[in-house]
Amino acid sequence: MNETDFRHRKAKEWLRKGDSGLRSAEILIKEEHPPTDTACFHCQQAVEKYLKGYLTLQKIDFLKAMIWIIC
């Protein structure tokens, strides 16, 4: 597997994780008395995963702690 294929595969993994977090938030927010803090947490996590997917595609290496420093 070449580097481009590897980066695409890793980016897709990040995007799938982001989608999962967003779906979780959508499910929570539909409750009669939604736990908005928890739904917001899942949204924040989803955005972080989407950002990691984007950075991976752009060939920008990152450390776990760097994500919020660059924002």
N, C-alpha and C. Protein backbone atom coordinates (compact mmCIF):
# COMPACT_ATOMS: atom_id res chain seq x y z
N MET A 1 0.85 -1.18 0.00
CA MET A 1 0.00 0.00 0.00
C MET A 1 0.90 1.24 0.00
N ASN A 2 0.63 2.15 -0.93
CA ASN A 2 1.45 3.36 -0.98
C ASN A 2 0.94 4.40 0.02
N GLU A 3 1.69 5.49 0.15
CA GLU A 3 1.37 6.51 1.16
C GLU A 3 0.00 7.14 0.92
N THR A 4 -0.33 7.42 -0.33
CA THR A 4 -1.62 8.04 -0.64
C THR A 4 -2.77 7.13 -0.23
N ASP A 5 -2.68 5.85 -0.56
CA ASP A 5 -3.72 4.90 -0.17
C ASP A 5 -3.84 4.81 1.34
N PHE A 6 -2.70 4.80 2.02
CA PHE A 6 -2.69 4.72 3.47
C PHE A 6 -3.38 5.94 4.08
N ARG A 7 -3.03 7.13 3.58
CA ARG A 7 -3.64 8.37 4.11
C ARG A 7 -5.14 8.41 3.84
N HIS A 8 -5.57 7.96 2.66
CA HIS A 8 -7.00 7.92 2.36
C HIS A 8 -7.74 6.97 3.30
N ARG A 9 -7.12 5.83 3.56
CA ARG A 9 -7.75 4.86 4.46
C ARG A 9 -7.86 5.42 5.87
N LYS A 10 -6.78 6.05 6.35
CA LYS A 10 -6.81 6.64 7.69
C LYS A 10 -7.81 7.79 7.77
N ALA A 11 -7.88 8.61 6.74
CA ALA A 11 -8.83 9.73 6.72
C ALA A 11 -10.26 9.20 6.78
N LYS A 12 -10.55 8.15 6.03
CA LYS A 12 -11.89 7.56 6.05
C LYS A 12 -12.24 7.04 7.44
N GLU A 13 -11.25 6.47 8.12
CA GLU A 13 -11.49 6.00 9.49
C GLU A 13 -11.87 7.17 10.39
N TRP A 14 -11.13 8.28 10.29
CA TRP A 14 -11.46 9.47 11.10
C TRP A 14 -12.85 9.98 10.77
N LEU A 15 -13.20 10.02 9.48
CA LEU A 15 -14.51 10.53 9.08
C LEU A 15 -15.64 9.63 9.58
N ARG A 16 -15.42 8.32 9.55
CA ARG A 16 -16.43 7.39 10.09
C ARG A 16 -16.63 7.62 11.58
N LYS A 17 -15.53 7.85 12.30
CA LYS A 17 -15.64 8.12 13.74
C LYS A 17 -16.39 9.43 13.98
N GLY A 18 -16.13 10.43 13.16
CA GLY A 18 -16.84 11.70 13.27
C GLY A 18 -18.32 11.52 13.01
N ASP A 19 -18.66 10.76 11.98
CA ASP A 19 -20.06 10.49 11.67
C ASP A 19 -20.76 9.79 12.84
N SER A 20 -20.05 8.88 13.48
CA SER A 20 -20.62 8.16 14.62
C SER A 20 -20.92 9.11 15.77
N GLY A 21 -20.01 10.02 16.05
CA GLY A 21 -20.23 11.00 17.11
C GLY A 21 -21.40 11.91 16.81
N LEU A 22 -21.51 12.32 15.57
CA LEU A 22 -22.61 13.19 15.17
C LEU A 22 -23.95 12.47 15.27
N ARG A 23 -23.99 11.20 14.87
CA ARG A 23 -25.22 10.41 15.02
C ARG A 23 -25.61 10.27 16.48
N SER A 24 -24.62 10.09 17.35
CA SER A 24 -24.91 9.99 18.79
C SER A 24 -25.55 11.28 19.29
N ALA A 25 -25.01 12.42 18.89
CA ALA A 25 -25.57 13.70 19.30
C ALA A 25 -27.00 13.86 18.78
N GLU A 26 -27.24 13.46 17.55
CA GLU A 26 -28.59 13.57 16.97
C GLU A 26 -29.59 12.72 17.74
N ILE A 27 -29.19 11.53 18.14
CA ILE A 27 -30.07 10.65 18.91
C ILE A 27 -30.38 11.29 20.26
N LEU A 28 -29.36 11.80 20.93
CA LEU A 28 -29.56 12.40 22.25
C LEU A 28 -30.47 13.62 22.20
N ILE A 29 -30.30 14.45 21.20
CA ILE A 29 -31.03 15.72 21.14
C ILE A 29 -32.52 15.50 20.85
N LYS A 30 -32.88 14.32 20.36
CA LYS A 30 -34.28 14.02 20.06
C LYS A 30 -35.07 13.56 21.29
N GLU A 31 -34.38 13.37 22.41
CA GLU A 31 -35.08 12.94 23.62
C GLU A 31 -35.98 14.06 24.13
N GLU A 32 -36.95 13.68 24.95
CA GLU A 32 -37.89 14.66 25.49
C GLU A 32 -37.17 15.73 26.31
N HIS A 33 -36.25 15.31 27.15
CA HIS A 33 -35.43 16.23 27.93
C HIS A 33 -33.96 15.94 27.59
N PRO A 34 -33.50 16.47 26.48
CA PRO A 34 -32.17 16.08 25.99
C PRO A 34 -31.03 16.57 26.89
N PRO A 35 -30.05 15.71 27.08
CA PRO A 35 -28.86 16.12 27.82
C PRO A 35 -27.96 16.94 26.89
N THR A 36 -28.22 18.23 26.82
CA THR A 36 -27.54 19.07 25.82
C THR A 36 -26.03 19.11 26.02
N ASP A 37 -25.57 19.03 27.27
CA ASP A 37 -24.13 19.04 27.48
C ASP A 37 -23.47 17.82 26.86
N THR A 38 -24.12 16.68 26.98
CA THR A 38 -23.58 15.45 26.40
C THR A 38 -23.66 15.49 24.88
N ALA A 39 -24.76 16.01 24.35
CA ALA A 39 -24.89 16.14 22.90
C ALA A 39 -23.82 17.07 22.35
N CYS A 40 -23.57 18.18 23.05
CA CYS A 40 -22.52 19.11 22.62
C CYS A 40 -21.15 18.46 22.66
N PHE A 41 -20.91 17.65 23.67
CA PHE A 41 -19.64 16.93 23.77
C PHE A 41 -19.44 16.05 22.54
N HIS A 42 -20.49 15.31 22.16
CA HIS A 42 -20.38 14.44 20.98
C HIS A 42 -20.15 15.26 19.71
N CYS A 43 -20.76 16.43 19.62
CA CYS A 43 -20.53 17.31 18.46
C CYS A 43 -19.07 17.77 18.42
N GLN A 44 -18.55 18.17 19.57
CA GLN A 44 -17.15 18.62 19.65
C GLN A 44 -16.21 17.49 19.23
N GLN A 45 -16.50 16.29 19.71
CA GLN A 45 -15.67 15.14 19.36
C GLN A 45 -15.76 14.85 17.86
N ALA A 46 -16.95 14.98 17.29
CA ALA A 46 -17.12 14.75 15.86
C ALA A 46 -16.29 15.74 15.05
N VAL A 47 -16.34 17.01 15.44
CA VAL A 47 -15.56 18.03 14.72
C VAL A 47 -14.07 17.72 14.82
N GLU A 48 -13.63 17.29 15.98
CA GLU A 48 -12.22 16.94 16.13
C GLU A 48 -11.84 15.79 15.20
N LYS A 49 -12.69 14.79 15.08
CA LYS A 49 -12.41 13.66 14.18
C LYS A 49 -12.41 14.11 12.72
N TYR A 50 -13.36 14.98 12.34
CA TYR A 50 -13.38 15.49 10.97
C TYR A 50 -12.10 16.29 10.68
N LEU A 51 -11.66 17.08 11.64
CA LEU A 51 -10.43 17.85 11.46
C LEU A 51 -9.23 16.92 11.28
N LYS A 52 -9.17 15.87 12.06
CA LYS A 52 -8.08 14.90 11.93
C LYS A 52 -8.11 14.23 10.55
N GLY A 53 -9.30 13.93 10.06
CA GLY A 53 -9.42 13.35 8.72
C GLY A 53 -8.91 14.31 7.66
N TYR A 54 -9.29 15.58 7.78
CA TYR A 54 -8.84 16.61 6.83
C TYR A 54 -7.32 16.77 6.89
N LEU A 55 -6.78 16.86 8.09
CA LEU A 55 -5.33 17.03 8.23
C LEU A 55 -4.59 15.83 7.65
N THR A 56 -5.14 14.65 7.84
CA THR A 56 -4.53 13.44 7.28
C THR A 56 -4.49 13.51 5.76
N LEU A 57 -5.60 13.93 5.14
CA LEU A 57 -5.63 14.05 3.67
C LEU A 57 -4.67 15.11 3.16
N GLN A 58 -4.47 16.17 3.95
CA GLN A 58 -3.59 17.26 3.55
C GLN A 58 -2.12 16.97 3.86
N LYS A 59 -1.85 15.77 4.36
CA LYS A 59 -0.49 15.34 4.71
C LYS A 59 0.10 16.21 5.81
N ILE A 60 -0.74 16.62 6.74
CA ILE A 60 -0.30 17.40 7.89
C ILE A 60 -0.32 16.47 9.09
N ASP A 61 0.87 16.14 9.59
CA ASP A 61 0.96 15.27 10.75
C ASP A 61 0.60 16.07 12.00
N PHE A 62 0.00 15.41 12.96
CA PHE A 62 -0.44 16.09 14.17
C PHE A 62 -0.27 15.17 15.37
N LEU A 63 -0.10 15.79 16.50
CA LEU A 63 -0.11 15.07 17.77
C LEU A 63 -1.49 15.25 18.38
N LYS A 64 -1.87 14.36 19.25
CA LYS A 64 -3.19 14.44 19.87
C LYS A 64 -3.42 15.81 20.51
N ALA A 65 -2.44 16.31 21.22
CA ALA A 65 -2.60 17.57 21.95
C ALA A 65 -2.55 18.79 21.03
N MET A 66 -2.11 18.63 19.80
CA MET A 66 -1.96 19.78 18.89
C MET A 66 -3.26 20.26 18.29
N ILE A 67 -4.27 19.43 18.23
CA ILE A 67 -5.49 19.77 17.50
C ILE A 67 -6.07 21.10 17.96
N TRP A 68 -6.19 21.33 19.24
CA TRP A 68 -6.82 22.57 19.71
C TRP A 68 -5.85 23.73 19.73
N ILE A 69 -4.58 23.48 19.71
CA ILE A 69 -3.60 24.57 19.63
C ILE A 69 -3.67 25.24 18.27
N ILE A 70 -3.86 24.45 17.20
CA ILE A 70 -3.88 25.03 15.86
C ILE A 70 -5.20 25.69 15.51
N CYS A 71 -6.23 25.41 16.30
CA CYS A 71 -7.53 26.04 16.03
C CYS A 71 -7.47 27.44 16.51
